[in-house]
Amino acid sequence: MIVAATDFNFSYLSNSTEIGLLAEGGLILVAAGIAADRLRRRIGRRDGQPNEEPGPGAGAPAPSLPG
C-alpha cells in the first residue's frame, strides 16, 4: 500500500521529491497513530474493564452552588 501511495504521489500530485516524501510520511504517521489507538482500545476492552481510570473524586457528588 505504501508503494502504491508513493507511485500515485509522484505520478499525479507532486513534481518535487522532498514535498512528496514529506506528505506521504505525514500520512503514514497519522495512519500508524490511528491504528495504534484502535489497537489500544481493543486490548483495553478485552479484560472487561474501561481503558481509562477515573480521576480523583470521580465518584463524589458535584457540589451544589449557593443561591
N, C-alpha and C. Protein backbone atom coordinates (compact mmCIF):
# COMPACT_ATOMS: atom_id res chain seq x y z
N MET A 1 0.82 -1.19 0.00
CA MET A 1 0.00 0.00 0.00
C MET A 1 0.88 1.26 0.00
N ILE A 2 1.98 1.21 0.74
CA ILE A 2 2.89 2.36 0.77
C ILE A 2 3.53 2.58 -0.59
N VAL A 3 3.87 1.50 -1.27
CA VAL A 3 4.46 1.62 -2.61
C VAL A 3 3.45 2.22 -3.58
N ALA A 4 2.20 1.80 -3.48
CA ALA A 4 1.17 2.34 -4.35
C ALA A 4 0.95 3.82 -4.06
N ALA A 5 0.96 4.22 -2.78
CA ALA A 5 0.79 5.62 -2.42
C ALA A 5 1.96 6.45 -2.95
N THR A 6 3.17 5.91 -2.88
CA THR A 6 4.34 6.62 -3.39
C THR A 6 4.23 6.82 -4.90
N ASP A 7 3.83 5.79 -5.61
CA ASP A 7 3.68 5.90 -7.06
C ASP A 7 2.61 6.93 -7.43
N PHE A 8 1.47 6.87 -6.75
CA PHE A 8 0.39 7.82 -7.01
C PHE A 8 0.85 9.24 -6.71
N ASN A 9 1.55 9.40 -5.60
CA ASN A 9 2.01 10.73 -5.20
C ASN A 9 2.95 11.34 -6.22
N PHE A 10 3.93 10.57 -6.68
CA PHE A 10 4.90 11.12 -7.62
C PHE A 10 4.36 11.20 -9.04
N SER A 11 3.40 10.38 -9.38
CA SER A 11 2.86 10.41 -10.73
C SER A 11 1.88 11.55 -10.94
N TYR A 12 1.05 11.82 -9.92
CA TYR A 12 -0.05 12.75 -10.14
C TYR A 12 -0.02 14.01 -9.29
N LEU A 13 0.55 13.95 -8.10
CA LEU A 13 0.39 15.07 -7.18
C LEU A 13 1.59 15.99 -7.07
N SER A 14 2.79 15.48 -7.15
CA SER A 14 3.94 16.32 -6.82
C SER A 14 5.07 16.13 -7.83
N ASN A 15 5.68 17.23 -8.17
CA ASN A 15 6.87 17.18 -9.03
C ASN A 15 8.14 17.21 -8.20
N SER A 16 8.04 17.61 -6.95
CA SER A 16 9.20 17.71 -6.06
C SER A 16 9.28 16.47 -5.18
N THR A 17 10.44 15.83 -5.16
CA THR A 17 10.63 14.61 -4.37
C THR A 17 10.48 14.89 -2.88
N GLU A 18 11.05 16.01 -2.41
CA GLU A 18 11.02 16.31 -0.99
C GLU A 18 9.59 16.53 -0.49
N ILE A 19 8.81 17.29 -1.23
CA ILE A 19 7.43 17.57 -0.83
C ILE A 19 6.61 16.28 -0.86
N GLY A 20 6.80 15.46 -1.86
CA GLY A 20 6.07 14.20 -1.95
C GLY A 20 6.37 13.27 -0.80
N LEU A 21 7.65 13.15 -0.45
CA LEU A 21 8.03 12.28 0.68
C LEU A 21 7.53 12.84 2.00
N LEU A 22 7.55 14.15 2.15
CA LEU A 22 7.05 14.77 3.37
C LEU A 22 5.55 14.52 3.54
N ALA A 23 4.79 14.70 2.48
CA ALA A 23 3.35 14.47 2.53
C ALA A 23 3.04 13.00 2.80
N GLU A 24 3.73 12.12 2.13
CA GLU A 24 3.49 10.69 2.33
C GLU A 24 3.89 10.25 3.73
N GLY A 25 5.01 10.76 4.23
CA GLY A 25 5.43 10.43 5.59
C GLY A 25 4.43 10.89 6.62
N GLY A 26 3.88 12.06 6.43
CA GLY A 26 2.85 12.57 7.35
C GLY A 26 1.61 11.68 7.35
N LEU A 27 1.20 11.25 6.18
CA LEU A 27 0.03 10.37 6.10
C LEU A 27 0.30 9.01 6.74
N ILE A 28 1.50 8.50 6.57
CA ILE A 28 1.85 7.22 7.18
C ILE A 28 1.85 7.35 8.71
N LEU A 29 2.38 8.45 9.24
CA LEU A 29 2.38 8.66 10.68
C LEU A 29 0.97 8.78 11.24
N VAL A 30 0.09 9.48 10.55
CA VAL A 30 -1.30 9.61 11.00
C VAL A 30 -1.98 8.24 10.99
N ALA A 31 -1.78 7.47 9.92
CA ALA A 31 -2.38 6.14 9.84
C ALA A 31 -1.85 5.23 10.94
N ALA A 32 -0.57 5.30 11.23
CA ALA A 32 0.00 4.47 12.31
C ALA A 32 -0.56 4.88 13.66
N GLY A 33 -0.76 6.16 13.89
CA GLY A 33 -1.34 6.63 15.14
C GLY A 33 -2.77 6.17 15.32
N ILE A 34 -3.56 6.23 14.26
CA ILE A 34 -4.95 5.77 14.33
C ILE A 34 -4.99 4.27 14.59
N ALA A 35 -4.14 3.52 13.91
CA ALA A 35 -4.11 2.06 14.12
C ALA A 35 -3.69 1.72 15.54
N ALA A 36 -2.70 2.43 16.08
CA ALA A 36 -2.25 2.17 17.45
C ALA A 36 -3.35 2.50 18.46
N ASP A 37 -4.08 3.58 18.23
CA ASP A 37 -5.17 3.95 19.14
C ASP A 37 -6.28 2.89 19.13
N ARG A 38 -6.65 2.42 17.96
CA ARG A 38 -7.68 1.38 17.87
C ARG A 38 -7.23 0.08 18.52
N LEU A 39 -5.97 -0.27 18.33
CA LEU A 39 -5.43 -1.47 18.95
C LEU A 39 -5.41 -1.34 20.47
N ARG A 40 -5.03 -0.17 20.97
CA ARG A 40 -5.01 0.07 22.41
C ARG A 40 -6.41 -0.05 23.00
N ARG A 41 -7.40 0.50 22.33
CA ARG A 41 -8.78 0.39 22.81
C ARG A 41 -9.29 -1.05 22.78
N ARG A 42 -8.93 -1.77 21.73
CA ARG A 42 -9.38 -3.17 21.62
C ARG A 42 -8.75 -4.02 22.71
N ILE A 43 -7.48 -3.82 23.00
CA ILE A 43 -6.81 -4.58 24.06
C ILE A 43 -7.39 -4.20 25.42
N GLY A 44 -7.72 -2.93 25.62
CA GLY A 44 -8.30 -2.48 26.88
C GLY A 44 -9.67 -3.07 27.14
N ARG A 45 -10.45 -3.31 26.11
CA ARG A 45 -11.79 -3.88 26.27
C ARG A 45 -11.75 -5.37 26.53
N ARG A 46 -10.66 -6.00 26.22
CA ARG A 46 -10.58 -7.46 26.30
C ARG A 46 -10.79 -7.96 27.73
N ASP A 47 -10.31 -7.23 28.74
CA ASP A 47 -10.46 -7.68 30.11
C ASP A 47 -11.77 -7.23 30.75
N GLY A 48 -12.61 -6.52 30.03
CA GLY A 48 -13.91 -6.12 30.54
C GLY A 48 -13.88 -4.84 31.35
N GLN A 49 -12.75 -4.24 31.52
CA GLN A 49 -12.62 -3.01 32.27
C GLN A 49 -12.46 -1.84 31.30
N PRO A 50 -12.95 -0.65 31.69
CA PRO A 50 -12.69 0.51 30.84
C PRO A 50 -11.20 0.78 30.77
N ASN A 51 -10.79 1.39 29.68
CA ASN A 51 -9.37 1.60 29.44
C ASN A 51 -8.79 2.71 30.30
N GLU A 52 -9.60 3.67 30.71
CA GLU A 52 -9.12 4.80 31.48
C GLU A 52 -9.57 4.68 32.93
N GLU A 53 -8.67 5.04 33.84
CA GLU A 53 -9.02 5.03 35.25
C GLU A 53 -9.73 6.33 35.59
N PRO A 54 -10.72 6.27 36.48
CA PRO A 54 -11.39 7.51 36.87
C PRO A 54 -10.45 8.40 37.68
N GLY A 55 -10.60 9.68 37.50
CA GLY A 55 -9.75 10.62 38.22
C GLY A 55 -10.14 10.72 39.68
N PRO A 56 -9.39 11.48 40.46
CA PRO A 56 -9.72 11.63 41.87
C PRO A 56 -11.06 12.32 42.04
N GLY A 57 -11.86 11.79 42.91
CA GLY A 57 -13.17 12.38 43.18
C GLY A 57 -14.19 12.07 42.10
N ALA A 58 -13.95 11.07 41.29
CA ALA A 58 -14.89 10.77 40.20
C ALA A 58 -16.22 10.26 40.75
N GLY A 59 -16.22 9.61 41.91
CA GLY A 59 -17.45 9.07 42.48
C GLY A 59 -18.15 10.05 43.40
N ALA A 60 -17.53 11.17 43.72
CA ALA A 60 -18.12 12.13 44.64
C ALA A 60 -19.19 12.94 43.93
N PRO A 61 -20.26 13.32 44.67
CA PRO A 61 -21.30 14.14 44.03
C PRO A 61 -20.79 15.54 43.76
N ALA A 62 -21.36 16.18 42.76
CA ALA A 62 -20.96 17.53 42.41
C ALA A 62 -21.42 18.50 43.50
N PRO A 63 -20.59 19.49 43.86
CA PRO A 63 -21.01 20.44 44.89
C PRO A 63 -22.14 21.32 44.38
N SER A 64 -23.06 21.64 45.30
CA SER A 64 -24.17 22.49 44.90
C SER A 64 -23.77 23.96 45.04
N LEU A 65 -24.23 24.79 44.14
CA LEU A 65 -23.92 26.20 44.17
C LEU A 65 -24.91 26.94 45.04
N PRO A 66 -24.45 27.90 45.83
CA PRO A 66 -25.40 28.66 46.66
C PRO A 66 -26.24 29.58 45.79
N GLY A 67 -27.49 29.73 46.22
CA GLY A 67 -28.34 30.73 45.59
C GLY A 67 -29.12 30.27 44.50
